[in-house]
Amino acid sequence: MVKLATKIKAFSIIESMVSMVIVVITFSLSAMVIANVTTTGISSEKQDAYMLVKTMRDETLKNNRFIDEAIEIKGLLIEKTILGYNRNEELRVLLIKALKGEKTLYESKEIIIITAE
């Protein structure tokens, strides 16, 4: 057998195993984080509901259209209701809900001032 004159630098088995354990732990933690983010994130349906409610709110305030309405868009029912607020003639509650069946996806409630023009 031939003997080498210089020593070859290499990792020992213990060092290799420790580094593999660190990599496995890192991957498993990142997989758990990704799973949590994807399950608790906002669905595209809820994003659509949010955008439709905000659009209806903006149009109501812009056009001074303070009446109760229900509109169906993209399979979602958008209900707008104007409610009284604490016996004050100028204040109202603008309540807008986005519903899919019986489930409320998004709801907006805001106090608005209605002035007689």
Protein backbone atom coordinates (compact mmCIF):
# COMPACT_ATOMS: atom_id res chain seq x y z
CA MET A 1 0.00 0.00 0.00
CA VAL A 2 1.24 3.44 -0.87
CA LYS A 3 1.53 6.01 1.89
CA LEU A 4 0.76 9.63 1.15
CA ALA A 5 3.33 12.20 2.07
CA THR A 6 0.71 14.90 2.83
CA LYS A 7 -2.56 14.70 4.68
CA ILE A 8 -5.77 15.17 2.66
CA LYS A 9 -8.20 17.67 4.21
CA ALA A 10 -11.76 16.34 4.43
CA PHE A 11 -14.88 16.37 6.59
CA SER A 12 -15.43 13.70 9.14
CA ILE A 13 -18.69 11.73 9.21
CA ILE A 14 -19.81 13.55 12.37
CA GLU A 15 -19.37 16.97 10.76
CA SER A 16 -21.33 15.81 7.70
CA MET A 17 -24.18 14.50 9.85
CA VAL A 18 -24.38 17.71 11.88
CA SER A 19 -24.57 19.81 8.74
CA MET A 20 -27.28 17.54 7.29
CA VAL A 21 -29.33 17.85 10.51
CA ILE A 22 -29.07 21.65 10.33
CA VAL A 23 -30.23 21.64 6.70
CA VAL A 24 -33.17 19.32 7.48
CA ILE A 25 -34.28 21.48 10.42
CA THR A 26 -34.07 24.62 8.27
CA PHE A 27 -36.14 23.06 5.47
CA SER A 28 -38.77 21.72 7.87
CA LEU A 29 -39.17 25.13 9.55
CA SER A 30 -39.47 26.87 6.19
CA ALA A 31 -42.06 24.32 5.04
CA MET A 32 -44.16 25.00 8.17
CA VAL A 33 -43.97 28.76 7.59
CA ILE A 34 -45.01 28.38 3.95
CA ALA A 35 -47.92 26.11 4.93
CA ASN A 36 -49.14 28.64 7.53
CA VAL A 37 -48.91 31.55 5.10
CA THR A 38 -50.82 29.77 2.36
CA THR A 39 -53.64 28.56 4.66
CA THR A 40 -54.15 31.83 6.52
CA GLY A 41 -53.76 34.12 3.52
CA ILE A 42 -56.61 36.06 1.95
CA SER A 43 -58.34 34.12 -0.80
CA SER A 44 -59.02 35.71 -4.16
CA GLU A 45 -62.74 35.51 -3.35
CA LYS A 46 -62.26 37.63 -0.22
CA GLN A 47 -60.11 40.08 -2.18
CA ASP A 48 -62.89 40.42 -4.76
CA ALA A 49 -65.42 40.97 -1.96
CA TYR A 50 -63.22 43.66 -0.42
CA MET A 51 -62.77 45.48 -3.73
CA LEU A 52 -66.48 45.34 -4.60
CA VAL A 53 -67.50 46.66 -1.16
CA LYS A 54 -65.00 49.50 -1.37
CA THR A 55 -66.13 50.35 -4.92
CA MET A 56 -69.78 50.46 -3.83
CA ARG A 57 -68.83 52.65 -0.86
CA ASP A 58 -66.94 55.10 -3.07
CA GLU A 59 -69.76 55.28 -5.64
CA THR A 60 -72.36 55.80 -2.90
CA LEU A 61 -70.47 58.72 -1.40
CA LYS A 62 -69.54 60.22 -4.78
CA ASN A 63 -73.08 60.09 -6.22
CA ASN A 64 -74.91 60.74 -2.91
CA ARG A 65 -76.92 57.57 -3.53
CA PHE A 66 -78.12 56.86 0.00
CA ILE A 67 -80.67 54.11 -0.63
CA ASP A 68 -80.76 50.42 0.27
CA GLU A 69 -79.54 48.21 -2.58
CA ALA A 70 -78.57 44.63 -3.31
CA ILE A 71 -76.45 43.82 -6.37
CA GLU A 72 -75.04 40.49 -7.52
CA ILE A 73 -71.58 40.66 -9.10
CA LYS A 74 -69.15 37.78 -9.78
CA GLY A 75 -71.33 35.35 -7.81
CA LEU A 76 -71.26 37.61 -4.74
CA LEU A 77 -74.27 39.44 -3.31
CA ILE A 78 -73.38 43.00 -2.28
CA GLU A 79 -75.94 44.46 0.13
CA LYS A 80 -75.93 48.16 0.98
CA THR A 81 -78.05 49.40 3.87
CA ILE A 82 -78.45 52.93 5.25
CA LEU A 83 -79.33 52.97 8.95
CA GLY A 84 -80.14 55.81 11.34
CA TYR A 85 -77.57 56.83 13.91
CA ASN A 86 -78.48 57.90 17.48
CA ARG A 87 -81.58 59.95 16.59
CA ASN A 88 -79.52 62.43 14.60
CA GLU A 89 -81.03 63.54 11.29
CA GLU A 90 -77.69 64.21 9.55
CA LEU A 91 -75.78 61.11 10.64
CA ARG A 92 -76.30 57.69 9.09
CA VAL A 93 -74.56 54.32 9.19
CA LEU A 94 -73.50 53.03 5.78
CA LEU A 95 -73.41 49.22 6.07
CA ILE A 96 -72.15 47.24 3.07
CA LYS A 97 -71.79 43.45 3.11
CA ALA A 98 -70.41 40.99 0.58
CA LEU A 99 -72.14 37.61 0.88
CA LYS A 100 -71.62 34.24 -0.76
CA GLY A 101 -74.69 32.23 0.11
CA GLU A 102 -75.16 32.71 3.85
CA LYS A 103 -71.48 33.42 4.52
CA THR A 104 -70.31 37.03 4.96
CA LEU A 105 -66.97 37.47 3.21
CA TYR A 106 -66.45 41.16 3.99
CA GLU A 107 -68.38 43.85 5.84
CA SER A 108 -67.88 47.60 5.97
CA LYS A 109 -69.62 49.84 8.49
CA GLU A 110 -69.09 53.59 8.41
CA ILE A 111 -70.77 56.67 9.88
CA ILE A 112 -71.54 59.25 7.22
CA ILE A 113 -72.97 62.77 7.20
CA ILE A 114 -75.96 63.44 4.95
CA THR A 115 -76.56 67.12 4.33
CA ALA A 116 -79.71 68.45 2.67
CA GLU A 117 -78.82 70.22 -0.57
